[in-house]
């Protein structure tokens, strides 16, 4: 596989904290002065907000499995694979954006020259700018793969093109607490609606989201040090979004030869190695752990890229 055009992905379920990890990776890119092609996972949903509601209602009326955003049937996996393939070959491809809010609609309409796209819609497909150093994907399906079963037209293998796959998989109770807090605070959903979505998504969560975490190169698994046994206690108006960083541990599982866990352990207060592939640290040092682990990998990817291109 070509080393000239690296791809980095951050993958996790809704509410897992992928946006937090995304910002940490972007800081590394900025520090290394890299030109990054950013791809948002939501942009590869198959349906906009209104059409998705209709499709979900249809699936419920038909008595079959409920269509969810985790499902291959609600996403453009083949198109995502095609983008990764094209980028690996030539640093080209097309991307678009899903508009989450009215504020994002204003931003994109201004960028596109006075269009009138609304929250819940997609922008048009646009070519990735020339001269990017790395493609960076953040979303639900950055390491998805389905080559071993299913009809030929449904097969896809996004993971094969990824040079650094980062998994964000907190304890599921923390994940649910964070999702309820986010979707009720930042998006137009009630607590009951979020709870219903969690229930409806569970089959696709098991079938599509979870298997990606044995393909990632690093997994960050946040576990609580306080009682989170009832995540739906976030239904109360004054409930927190989850444990504070210092009230959790980060289990960092590494499957990458460029990471020296022994050296990293000595740079993080209180960190310890559970085994040769697993470092554990307090949650307040998560940013430090991510930076120490991911920086040398990204530096090595760029060094290989430049050597291959004769730069």
C-alpha atoms as a PDB file:
ATOM      1  CA  UNK A   1       0.000   0.000   0.000  1.00  0.00           C
ATOM      2  CA  UNK A   2       1.303   3.465  -0.908  1.00  0.00           C
ATOM      3  CA  UNK A   3       2.957   5.497   1.849  1.00  0.00           C
ATOM      4  CA  UNK A   4       2.803   8.740  -0.138  1.00  0.00           C
ATOM      5  CA  UNK A   5      -0.727   9.661   0.931  1.00  0.00           C
ATOM      6  CA  UNK A   6      -1.426   8.566   4.534  1.00  0.00           C
ATOM      7  CA  UNK A   7      -4.885   8.231   6.067  1.00  0.00           C
ATOM      8  CA  UNK A   8      -5.655   8.653   9.775  1.00  0.00           C
ATOM      9  CA  UNK A   9      -9.063   7.835  11.270  1.00  0.00           C
ATOM     10  CA  UNK A  10     -10.731   8.375  14.639  1.00  0.00           C
ATOM     11  CA  UNK A  11     -13.616   5.954  15.122  1.00  0.00           C
ATOM     12  CA  UNK A  12     -16.200   5.632  17.848  1.00  0.00           C
ATOM     13  CA  UNK A  13     -19.880   5.428  18.603  1.00  0.00           C
ATOM     14  CA  UNK A  14     -22.190   8.387  19.099  1.00  0.00           C
ATOM     15  CA  UNK A  15     -21.304   9.916  22.463  1.00  0.00           C
ATOM     16  CA  UNK A  16     -17.941   8.147  22.711  1.00  0.00           C
ATOM     17  CA  UNK A  17     -15.903  11.346  22.602  1.00  0.00           C
ATOM     18  CA  UNK A  18     -14.440  11.162  19.092  1.00  0.00           C
ATOM     19  CA  UNK A  19     -14.695  14.952  18.692  1.00  0.00           C
ATOM     20  CA  UNK A  20     -12.448  15.372  21.747  1.00  0.00           C
ATOM     21  CA  UNK A  21      -9.853  13.014  20.257  1.00  0.00           C
ATOM     22  CA  UNK A  22     -10.217  14.708  16.873  1.00  0.00           C
ATOM     23  CA  UNK A  23      -9.171  18.025  18.391  1.00  0.00           C
ATOM     24  CA  UNK A  24      -6.135  16.380  19.988  1.00  0.00           C
ATOM     25  CA  UNK A  25      -5.052  14.912  16.637  1.00  0.00           C
ATOM     26  CA  UNK A  26      -5.611  18.228  14.866  1.00  0.00           C
ATOM     27  CA  UNK A  27      -3.276  19.913  17.372  1.00  0.00           C
ATOM     28  CA  UNK A  28      -0.568  17.438  16.363  1.00  0.00           C
ATOM     29  CA  UNK A  29      -1.224  18.176  12.685  1.00  0.00           C
ATOM     30  CA  UNK A  30      -0.964  21.917  13.383  1.00  0.00           C
ATOM     31  CA  UNK A  31       2.257  21.485  15.335  1.00  0.00           C
ATOM     32  CA  UNK A  32       3.751  19.459  12.472  1.00  0.00           C
ATOM     33  CA  UNK A  33       2.562  22.129  10.002  1.00  0.00           C
ATOM     34  CA  UNK A  34       0.552  19.644   7.922  1.00  0.00           C
ATOM     35  CA  UNK A  35      -2.074  20.436   5.296  1.00  0.00           C
ATOM     36  CA  UNK A  36      -4.966  18.128   6.189  1.00  0.00           C
ATOM     37  CA  UNK A  37      -7.980  16.946   4.178  1.00  0.00           C
ATOM     38  CA  UNK A  38     -10.695  16.552   6.826  1.00  0.00           C
ATOM     39  CA  UNK A  39     -13.567  14.141   6.163  1.00  0.00           C
ATOM     40  CA  UNK A  40     -16.522  14.072   8.548  1.00  0.00           C
ATOM     41  CA  UNK A  41     -18.141  10.687   9.029  1.00  0.00           C
ATOM     42  CA  UNK A  42     -21.645  12.169   9.079  1.00  0.00           C
ATOM     43  CA  UNK A  43     -21.167  13.281   5.492  1.00  0.00           C
ATOM     44  CA  UNK A  44     -21.299   9.623   4.420  1.00  0.00           C
ATOM     45  CA  UNK A  45     -24.758   9.041   5.824  1.00  0.00           C
ATOM     46  CA  UNK A  46     -27.108   8.034   3.029  1.00  0.00           C
ATOM     47  CA  UNK A  47     -30.028  10.240   4.071  1.00  0.00           C
ATOM     48  CA  UNK A  48     -30.513  13.773   5.364  1.00  0.00           C
ATOM     49  CA  UNK A  49     -32.388  14.385   8.608  1.00  0.00           C
ATOM     50  CA  UNK A  50     -35.922  14.583   7.178  1.00  0.00           C
ATOM     51  CA  UNK A  51     -35.520  11.608   4.833  1.00  0.00           C
ATOM     52  CA  UNK A  52     -33.902   9.547   7.592  1.00  0.00           C
ATOM     53  CA  UNK A  53     -36.926  10.140   9.817  1.00  0.00           C
ATOM     54  CA  UNK A  54     -39.148   8.868   7.006  1.00  0.00           C
ATOM     55  CA  UNK A  55     -36.953   5.801   6.437  1.00  0.00           C
ATOM     56  CA  UNK A  56     -36.910   5.003  10.158  1.00  0.00           C
ATOM     57  CA  UNK A  57     -40.705   5.284  10.306  1.00  0.00           C
ATOM     58  CA  UNK A  58     -40.994   2.972   7.286  1.00  0.00           C
ATOM     59  CA  UNK A  59     -38.738   0.366   8.892  1.00  0.00           C
ATOM     60  CA  UNK A  60     -40.830   0.450  12.070  1.00  0.00           C
ATOM     61  CA  UNK A  61     -44.088   0.204  10.125  1.00  0.00           C
ATOM     62  CA  UNK A  62     -42.771  -2.806   8.208  1.00  0.00           C
ATOM     63  CA  UNK A  63     -42.001  -4.616  11.454  1.00  0.00           C
ATOM     64  CA  UNK A  64     -38.389  -5.317  10.535  1.00  0.00           C
ATOM     65  CA  UNK A  65     -35.148  -4.084  12.084  1.00  0.00           C
ATOM     66  CA  UNK A  66     -35.207  -0.356  12.793  1.00  0.00           C
ATOM     67  CA  UNK A  67     -32.969   1.609  10.430  1.00  0.00           C
ATOM     68  CA  UNK A  68     -30.238   3.460  12.344  1.00  0.00           C
ATOM     69  CA  UNK A  69     -27.247   5.645  11.525  1.00  0.00           C
ATOM     70  CA  UNK A  70     -24.971   2.794  12.623  1.00  0.00           C
ATOM     71  CA  UNK A  71     -26.275   0.490   9.875  1.00  0.00           C
ATOM     72  CA  UNK A  72     -24.663  -0.189   6.526  1.00  0.00           C
ATOM     73  CA  UNK A  73     -28.098   0.459   5.009  1.00  0.00           C
ATOM     74  CA  UNK A  74     -28.043   4.079   6.181  1.00  0.00           C
ATOM     75  CA  UNK A  75     -24.487   4.858   5.060  1.00  0.00           C
ATOM     76  CA  UNK A  76     -22.422   5.082   1.888  1.00  0.00           C
ATOM     77  CA  UNK A  77     -19.724   2.571   2.835  1.00  0.00           C
ATOM     78  CA  UNK A  78     -18.751   1.756  -0.737  1.00  0.00           C
ATOM     79  CA  UNK A  79     -18.343   5.451  -1.503  1.00  0.00           C
ATOM     80  CA  UNK A  80     -16.233   5.914   1.637  1.00  0.00           C
ATOM     81  CA  UNK A  81     -14.027   3.017   0.590  1.00  0.00           C
ATOM     82  CA  UNK A  82     -13.730   4.542  -2.888  1.00  0.00           C
ATOM     83  CA  UNK A  83     -12.626   7.859  -1.382  1.00  0.00           C
ATOM     84  CA  UNK A  84      -9.948   6.203   0.746  1.00  0.00           C
ATOM     85  CA  UNK A  85      -8.732   4.176  -2.249  1.00  0.00           C
ATOM     86  CA  UNK A  86      -8.548   7.240  -4.491  1.00  0.00           C
ATOM     87  CA  UNK A  87      -6.785   9.284  -1.854  1.00  0.00           C
ATOM     88  CA  UNK A  88      -4.196   6.552  -1.245  1.00  0.00           C
ATOM     89  CA  UNK A  89      -3.497   6.443  -4.971  1.00  0.00           C
ATOM     90  CA  UNK A  90      -3.399  10.132  -5.835  1.00  0.00           C
ATOM     91  CA  UNK A  91      -4.392  12.342  -2.860  1.00  0.00           C
ATOM     92  CA  UNK A  92      -7.633  13.171  -4.638  1.00  0.00           C
ATOM     93  CA  UNK A  93     -11.305  12.442  -4.070  1.00  0.00           C
ATOM     94  CA  UNK A  94     -14.575  14.152  -3.239  1.00  0.00           C
ATOM     95  CA  UNK A  95     -16.119  15.103   0.087  1.00  0.00           C
ATOM     96  CA  UNK A  96     -19.186  16.910   1.367  1.00  0.00           C
ATOM     97  CA  UNK A  97     -20.522  18.110   4.707  1.00  0.00           C
ATOM     98  CA  UNK A  98     -23.601  17.259   6.753  1.00  0.00           C
ATOM     99  CA  UNK A  99     -25.095  20.404   8.288  1.00  0.00           C
ATOM    100  CA  UNK A 100     -25.891  19.763  11.957  1.00  0.00           C
ATOM    101  CA  UNK A 101     -27.204  23.169  12.995  1.00  0.00           C
ATOM    102  CA  UNK A 102     -28.427  26.560  11.822  1.00  0.00           C
ATOM    103  CA  UNK A 103     -25.018  28.002  12.703  1.00  0.00           C
ATOM    104  CA  UNK A 104     -23.289  25.491  10.422  1.00  0.00           C
ATOM    105  CA  UNK A 105     -25.824  26.288   7.689  1.00  0.00           C
ATOM    106  CA  UNK A 106     -24.860  29.971   7.814  1.00  0.00           C
ATOM    107  CA  UNK A 107     -21.168  29.058   7.655  1.00  0.00           C
ATOM    108  CA  UNK A 108     -21.484  26.705   4.677  1.00  0.00           C
ATOM    109  CA  UNK A 109     -23.898  28.914   2.741  1.00  0.00           C
ATOM    110  CA  UNK A 110     -21.420  31.783   3.051  1.00  0.00           C
ATOM    111  CA  UNK A 111     -18.527  29.540   2.007  1.00  0.00           C
ATOM    112  CA  UNK A 112     -20.458  28.270  -1.016  1.00  0.00           C
ATOM    113  CA  UNK A 113     -21.396  31.741  -2.191  1.00  0.00           C
ATOM    114  CA  UNK A 114     -24.921  32.413  -1.030  1.00  0.00           C
ATOM    115  CA  UNK A 115     -26.592  28.999  -1.208  1.00  0.00           C
ATOM    116  CA  UNK A 116     -29.578  28.157   0.997  1.00  0.00           C
ATOM    117  CA  UNK A 117     -28.814  24.778   2.556  1.00  0.00           C
ATOM    118  CA  UNK A 118     -30.510  24.101   5.873  1.00  0.00           C
ATOM    119  CA  UNK A 119     -29.737  22.153   9.018  1.00  0.00           C
ATOM    120  CA  UNK A 120     -30.144  18.429   8.373  1.00  0.00           C
ATOM    121  CA  UNK A 121     -29.066  18.644   4.718  1.00  0.00           C
ATOM    122  CA  UNK A 122     -25.831  17.861   2.879  1.00  0.00           C
ATOM    123  CA  UNK A 123     -23.651  20.290   0.981  1.00  0.00           C
ATOM    124  CA  UNK A 124     -22.752  19.314  -2.616  1.00  0.00           C
ATOM    125  CA  UNK A 125     -19.804  17.009  -3.248  1.00  0.00           C
ATOM    126  CA  UNK A 126     -16.577  18.983  -3.715  1.00  0.00           C
ATOM    127  CA  UNK A 127     -13.076  17.902  -4.761  1.00  0.00           C
ATOM    128  CA  UNK A 128     -10.495  17.597  -2.014  1.00  0.00           C
ATOM    129  CA  UNK A 129      -8.040  20.502  -2.403  1.00  0.00           C
ATOM    130  CA  UNK A 130      -4.713  19.737  -4.033  1.00  0.00           C
ATOM    131  CA  UNK A 131      -1.534  19.482  -2.013  1.00  0.00           C
ATOM    132  CA  UNK A 132      -2.806  17.892   1.197  1.00  0.00           C
ATOM    133  CA  UNK A 133      -0.383  15.887   3.342  1.00  0.00           C
ATOM    134  CA  UNK A 134      -2.841  13.529   5.024  1.00  0.00           C
ATOM    135  CA  UNK A 135      -6.530  12.597   5.001  1.00  0.00           C
ATOM    136  CA  UNK A 136      -8.169  12.686   8.427  1.00  0.00           C
ATOM    137  CA  UNK A 137     -11.543  11.008   9.038  1.00  0.00           C
ATOM    138  CA  UNK A 138     -13.555  11.262  12.255  1.00  0.00           C
ATOM    139  CA  UNK A 139     -16.839   9.444  12.723  1.00  0.00           C
ATOM    140  CA  UNK A 140     -18.661   6.174  13.246  1.00  0.00           C
ATOM    141  CA  UNK A 141     -17.126   4.007  10.537  1.00  0.00           C
ATOM    142  CA  UNK A 142     -13.437   4.740  10.022  1.00  0.00           C
ATOM    143  CA  UNK A 143     -12.408   1.071  10.320  1.00  0.00           C
ATOM    144  CA  UNK A 144     -15.486  -0.645   8.918  1.00  0.00           C
ATOM    145  CA  UNK A 145     -15.140  -3.858   6.914  1.00  0.00           C
ATOM    146  CA  UNK A 146     -17.569  -6.320   5.361  1.00  0.00           C
ATOM    147  CA  UNK A 147     -15.672  -8.467   2.885  1.00  0.00           C
ATOM    148  CA  UNK A 148     -16.332 -11.834   4.445  1.00  0.00           C
ATOM    149  CA  UNK A 149     -20.087 -12.076   3.973  1.00  0.00           C
ATOM    150  CA  UNK A 150     -23.040 -10.573   2.160  1.00  0.00           C
ATOM    151  CA  UNK A 151     -23.834  -9.884  -1.493  1.00  0.00           C
ATOM    152  CA  UNK A 152     -21.030  -8.640  -3.689  1.00  0.00           C
ATOM    153  CA  UNK A 153     -22.547  -5.174  -4.070  1.00  0.00           C
ATOM    154  CA  UNK A 154     -22.706  -4.853  -0.294  1.00  0.00           C
ATOM    155  CA  UNK A 155     -19.055  -5.684   0.320  1.00  0.00           C
ATOM    156  CA  UNK A 156     -16.705  -2.995   1.537  1.00  0.00           C
ATOM    157  CA  UNK A 157     -13.362  -2.712   3.292  1.00  0.00           C
ATOM    158  CA  UNK A 158     -12.597   0.809   4.433  1.00  0.00           C
ATOM    159  CA  UNK A 159     -10.058  -0.344   7.034  1.00  0.00           C
ATOM    160  CA  UNK A 160      -7.563  -1.701   4.489  1.00  0.00           C
ATOM    161  CA  UNK A 161      -6.499   1.824   3.479  1.00  0.00           C
ATOM    162  CA  UNK A 162      -5.982   3.259   6.977  1.00  0.00           C
ATOM    163  CA  UNK A 163      -2.423   3.922   8.176  1.00  0.00           C
ATOM    164  CA  UNK A 164      -3.378   4.927  11.721  1.00  0.00           C
ATOM    165  CA  UNK A 165      -6.738   3.878  13.141  1.00  0.00           C
ATOM    166  CA  UNK A 166      -7.661   5.310  16.538  1.00  0.00           C
ATOM    167  CA  UNK A 167     -10.583   3.799  18.456  1.00  0.00           C
ATOM    168  CA  UNK A 168     -12.546   5.691  21.105  1.00  0.00           C
ATOM    169  CA  UNK A 169     -14.524   3.197  23.175  1.00  0.00           C
ATOM    170  CA  UNK A 170     -15.428   4.309  26.703  1.00  0.00           C
ATOM    171  CA  UNK A 171     -17.366   2.166  29.134  1.00  0.00           C
ATOM    172  CA  UNK A 172     -20.811   1.956  27.575  1.00  0.00           C
ATOM    173  CA  UNK A 173     -22.454   3.621  30.586  1.00  0.00           C
ATOM    174  CA  UNK A 174     -20.170   6.641  30.171  1.00  0.00           C
ATOM    175  CA  UNK A 175     -20.900   6.624  26.445  1.00  0.00           C
ATOM    176  CA  UNK A 176     -24.639   6.714  27.068  1.00  0.00           C
ATOM    177  CA  UNK A 177     -24.334   9.493  29.661  1.00  0.00           C
ATOM    178  CA  UNK A 178     -22.310  11.609  27.257  1.00  0.00           C
ATOM    179  CA  UNK A 179     -24.714  10.983  24.388  1.00  0.00           C
ATOM    180  CA  UNK A 180     -27.790  11.931  26.411  1.00  0.00           C
ATOM    181  CA  UNK A 181     -26.120  15.107  27.639  1.00  0.00           C
ATOM    182  CA  UNK A 182     -24.875  16.129  24.179  1.00  0.00           C
ATOM    183  CA  UNK A 183     -28.017  15.360  22.202  1.00  0.00           C
ATOM    184  CA  UNK A 184     -30.300  17.176  24.632  1.00  0.00           C
ATOM    185  CA  UNK A 185     -27.973  20.156  25.115  1.00  0.00           C
ATOM    186  CA  UNK A 186     -26.695  20.678  21.566  1.00  0.00           C
ATOM    187  CA  UNK A 187     -29.234  18.966  19.314  1.00  0.00           C
ATOM    188  CA  UNK A 188     -33.045  19.107  19.084  1.00  0.00           C
ATOM    189  CA  UNK A 189     -33.825  15.887  20.992  1.00  0.00           C
ATOM    190  CA  UNK A 190     -35.559  15.053  24.257  1.00  0.00           C
ATOM    191  CA  UNK A 191     -34.084  12.628  26.774  1.00  0.00           C
ATOM    192  CA  UNK A 192     -36.733  10.046  25.919  1.00  0.00           C
ATOM    193  CA  UNK A 193     -35.919  10.317  22.203  1.00  0.00           C
ATOM    194  CA  UNK A 194     -32.223   9.738  22.887  1.00  0.00           C
ATOM    195  CA  UNK A 195     -33.010   6.746  25.099  1.00  0.00           C
ATOM    196  CA  UNK A 196     -35.194   5.248  22.361  1.00  0.00           C
ATOM    197  CA  UNK A 197     -32.431   5.737  19.794  1.00  0.00           C
ATOM    198  CA  UNK A 198     -29.914   3.966  22.052  1.00  0.00           C
ATOM    199  CA  UNK A 199     -32.255   0.976  22.292  1.00  0.00           C
ATOM    200  CA  UNK A 200     -32.958   0.908  18.558  1.00  0.00           C
ATOM    201  CA  UNK A 201     -29.279   1.110  17.644  1.00  0.00           C
ATOM    202  CA  UNK A 202     -28.102  -1.759  19.828  1.00  0.00           C
ATOM    203  CA  UNK A 203     -28.151  -4.499  17.121  1.00  0.00           C
ATOM    204  CA  UNK A 204     -26.191  -2.298  14.699  1.00  0.00           C
ATOM    205  CA  UNK A 205     -23.880  -1.207  17.511  1.00  0.00           C
ATOM    206  CA  UNK A 206     -22.950  -4.841  18.092  1.00  0.00           C
ATOM    207  CA  UNK A 207     -22.734  -5.804  14.418  1.00  0.00           C
ATOM    208  CA  UNK A 208     -21.097  -2.709  12.904  1.00  0.00           C
ATOM    209  CA  UNK A 209     -19.500  -0.427  15.498  1.00  0.00           C
ATOM    210  CA  UNK A 210     -17.864  -2.833  17.960  1.00  0.00           C
ATOM    211  CA  UNK A 211     -15.956  -5.039  15.431  1.00  0.00           C
ATOM    212  CA  UNK A 212     -13.962  -2.011  14.290  1.00  0.00           C
ATOM    213  CA  UNK A 213     -12.076  -1.864  17.576  1.00  0.00           C
ATOM    214  CA  UNK A 214     -10.070  -5.008  16.881  1.00  0.00           C
ATOM    215  CA  UNK A 215      -8.808  -3.383  13.645  1.00  0.00           C
ATOM    216  CA  UNK A 216      -7.636  -0.118  15.192  1.00  0.00           C
ATOM    217  CA  UNK A 217      -3.986   0.535  16.043  1.00  0.00           C
ATOM    218  CA  UNK A 218      -4.749   2.340  19.317  1.00  0.00           C
ATOM    219  CA  UNK A 219      -7.866   2.144  21.488  1.00  0.00           C
ATOM    220  CA  UNK A 220      -8.644   4.656  24.224  1.00  0.00           C
ATOM    221  CA  UNK A 221     -11.056   3.011  26.659  1.00  0.00           C
ATOM    222  CA  UNK A 222     -12.319   5.265  29.455  1.00  0.00           C
ATOM    223  CA  UNK A 223     -13.628   3.535  32.585  1.00  0.00           C
ATOM    224  CA  UNK A 224     -15.236   5.178  35.639  1.00  0.00           C
ATOM    225  CA  UNK A 225     -13.839   5.387  39.147  1.00  0.00           C
ATOM    226  CA  UNK A 226     -17.231   6.475  40.478  1.00  0.00           C
ATOM    227  CA  UNK A 227     -20.678   4.895  40.328  1.00  0.00           C
ATOM    228  CA  UNK A 228     -22.183   5.135  36.827  1.00  0.00           C
ATOM    229  CA  UNK A 229     -24.407   2.083  37.183  1.00  0.00           C
ATOM    230  CA  UNK A 230     -27.498   4.073  36.155  1.00  0.00           C
ATOM    231  CA  UNK A 231     -26.465   6.118  33.117  1.00  0.00           C
ATOM    232  CA  UNK A 232     -30.055   7.191  32.578  1.00  0.00           C
ATOM    233  CA  UNK A 233     -29.896   9.228  35.773  1.00  0.00           C
ATOM    234  CA  UNK A 234     -28.814  11.921  33.308  1.00  0.00           C
ATOM    235  CA  UNK A 235     -32.534  12.360  32.774  1.00  0.00           C
ATOM    236  CA  UNK A 236     -32.516  14.704  35.778  1.00  0.00           C
ATOM    237  CA  UNK A 237     -32.056  18.364  34.781  1.00  0.00           C
ATOM    238  CA  UNK A 238     -28.880  18.907  36.822  1.00  0.00           C
ATOM    239  CA  UNK A 239     -27.157  15.639  35.890  1.00  0.00           C
ATOM    240  CA  UNK A 240     -23.527  15.813  34.668  1.00  0.00           C
ATOM    241  CA  UNK A 241     -22.430  14.581  31.256  1.00  0.00           C
ATOM    242  CA  UNK A 242     -20.386  11.818  32.889  1.00  0.00           C
ATOM    243  CA  UNK A 243     -17.508  11.371  35.320  1.00  0.00           C
ATOM    244  CA  UNK A 244     -14.983  14.192  35.548  1.00  0.00           C
ATOM    245  CA  UNK A 245     -11.631  13.297  33.946  1.00  0.00           C
ATOM    246  CA  UNK A 246     -10.007  12.708  37.336  1.00  0.00           C
ATOM    247  CA  UNK A 247     -12.837  10.317  38.226  1.00  0.00           C
ATOM    248  CA  UNK A 248     -11.912   7.902  35.439  1.00  0.00           C
ATOM    249  CA  UNK A 249      -9.042   5.825  34.104  1.00  0.00           C
ATOM    250  CA  UNK A 250      -7.907   5.622  30.485  1.00  0.00           C
ATOM    251  CA  UNK A 251      -6.999   2.149  29.227  1.00  0.00           C
ATOM    252  CA  UNK A 252      -4.692   2.670  26.241  1.00  0.00           C
ATOM    253  CA  UNK A 253      -4.364  -0.504  24.158  1.00  0.00           C
ATOM    254  CA  UNK A 254      -1.683  -0.296  21.486  1.00  0.00           C
ATOM    255  CA  UNK A 255      -1.060  -2.425  18.405  1.00  0.00           C
ATOM    256  CA  UNK A 256       1.633  -0.368  16.693  1.00  0.00           C
ATOM    257  CA  UNK A 257       5.388  -0.860  16.599  1.00  0.00           C
ATOM    258  CA  UNK A 258       6.217   2.865  16.665  1.00  0.00           C
ATOM    259  CA  UNK A 259       4.970   3.324  20.237  1.00  0.00           C
ATOM    260  CA  UNK A 260       7.313   2.844  23.209  1.00  0.00           C
ATOM    261  CA  UNK A 261       4.880   2.358  26.090  1.00  0.00           C
ATOM    262  CA  UNK A 262       7.655   1.975  28.651  1.00  0.00           C
ATOM    263  CA  UNK A 263       9.021   5.422  27.807  1.00  0.00           C
ATOM    264  CA  UNK A 264       5.551   6.977  27.706  1.00  0.00           C
ATOM    265  CA  UNK A 265       4.687   5.515  31.105  1.00  0.00           C
ATOM    266  CA  UNK A 266       7.597   7.383  32.674  1.00  0.00           C
ATOM    267  CA  UNK A 267       6.298  10.704  31.315  1.00  0.00           C
ATOM    268  CA  UNK A 268       2.763  10.446  32.768  1.00  0.00           C
ATOM    269  CA  UNK A 269       2.300  10.755  36.552  1.00  0.00           C
ATOM    270  CA  UNK A 270       0.902   7.578  38.072  1.00  0.00           C
ATOM    271  CA  UNK A 271       0.733   5.683  34.765  1.00  0.00           C
ATOM    272  CA  UNK A 272       1.511   1.977  34.704  1.00  0.00           C
ATOM    273  CA  UNK A 273       1.724  -0.875  32.214  1.00  0.00           C
ATOM    274  CA  UNK A 274      -0.894  -3.567  32.693  1.00  0.00           C
ATOM    275  CA  UNK A 275       0.839  -5.653  30.017  1.00  0.00           C
ATOM    276  CA  UNK A 276       3.118  -5.134  27.027  1.00  0.00           C
ATOM    277  CA  UNK A 277       0.302  -3.582  24.961  1.00  0.00           C
ATOM    278  CA  UNK A 278      -1.688  -1.711  27.609  1.00  0.00           C
ATOM    279  CA  UNK A 279      -0.946   1.510  29.466  1.00  0.00           C
ATOM    280  CA  UNK A 280      -3.282   2.809  32.193  1.00  0.00           C
ATOM    281  CA  UNK A 281      -3.411   6.417  33.375  1.00  0.00           C
ATOM    282  CA  UNK A 282      -5.767   8.782  35.157  1.00  0.00           C
ATOM    283  CA  UNK A 283      -8.312  10.460  32.903  1.00  0.00           C
ATOM    284  CA  UNK A 284      -6.895  13.927  33.515  1.00  0.00           C
ATOM    285  CA  UNK A 285      -3.790  12.830  31.581  1.00  0.00           C
ATOM    286  CA  UNK A 286      -5.679  11.571  28.530  1.00  0.00           C
ATOM    287  CA  UNK A 287      -4.498  14.456  26.319  1.00  0.00           C
ATOM    288  CA  UNK A 288      -0.892  13.785  27.350  1.00  0.00           C
ATOM    289  CA  UNK A 289      -1.216  10.064  26.615  1.00  0.00           C
ATOM    290  CA  UNK A 290      -2.753  10.695  23.209  1.00  0.00           C
ATOM    291  CA  UNK A 291      -0.095  13.233  22.290  1.00  0.00           C
ATOM    292  CA  UNK A 292       2.793  11.009  23.379  1.00  0.00           C
ATOM    293  CA  UNK A 293       1.411   8.002  21.499  1.00  0.00           C
ATOM    294  CA  UNK A 294       0.195   9.576  18.296  1.00  0.00           C
ATOM    295  CA  UNK A 295       2.893  12.175  17.626  1.00  0.00           C
ATOM    296  CA  UNK A 296       5.711   9.712  16.773  1.00  0.00           C
ATOM    297  CA  UNK A 297       3.398   7.668  14.550  1.00  0.00           C
ATOM    298  CA  UNK A 298       2.249  10.721  12.602  1.00  0.00           C
ATOM    299  CA  UNK A 299       5.818  11.996  12.340  1.00  0.00           C
ATOM    300  CA  UNK A 300       6.910   8.622  10.970  1.00  0.00           C
ATOM    301  CA  UNK A 301       4.048   8.543   8.451  1.00  0.00           C
ATOM    302  CA  UNK A 302       5.037  11.964   7.145  1.00  0.00           C
ATOM    303  CA  UNK A 303       8.739  11.047   7.053  1.00  0.00           C
ATOM    304  CA  UNK A 304       7.936   7.966   4.951  1.00  0.00           C
ATOM    305  CA  UNK A 305       5.682  10.046   2.711  1.00  0.00           C
ATOM    306  CA  UNK A 306       8.380  12.639   2.060  1.00  0.00           C
ATOM    307  CA  UNK A 307      11.055  10.013   1.496  1.00  0.00           C
ATOM    308  CA  UNK A 308       8.852   8.213  -1.036  1.00  0.00           C
ATOM    309  CA  UNK A 309       8.109  11.476  -2.847  1.00  0.00           C
ATOM    310  CA  UNK A 310      11.736  12.581  -2.762  1.00  0.00           C
ATOM    311  CA  UNK A 311      10.894  15.671  -0.754  1.00  0.00           C
END
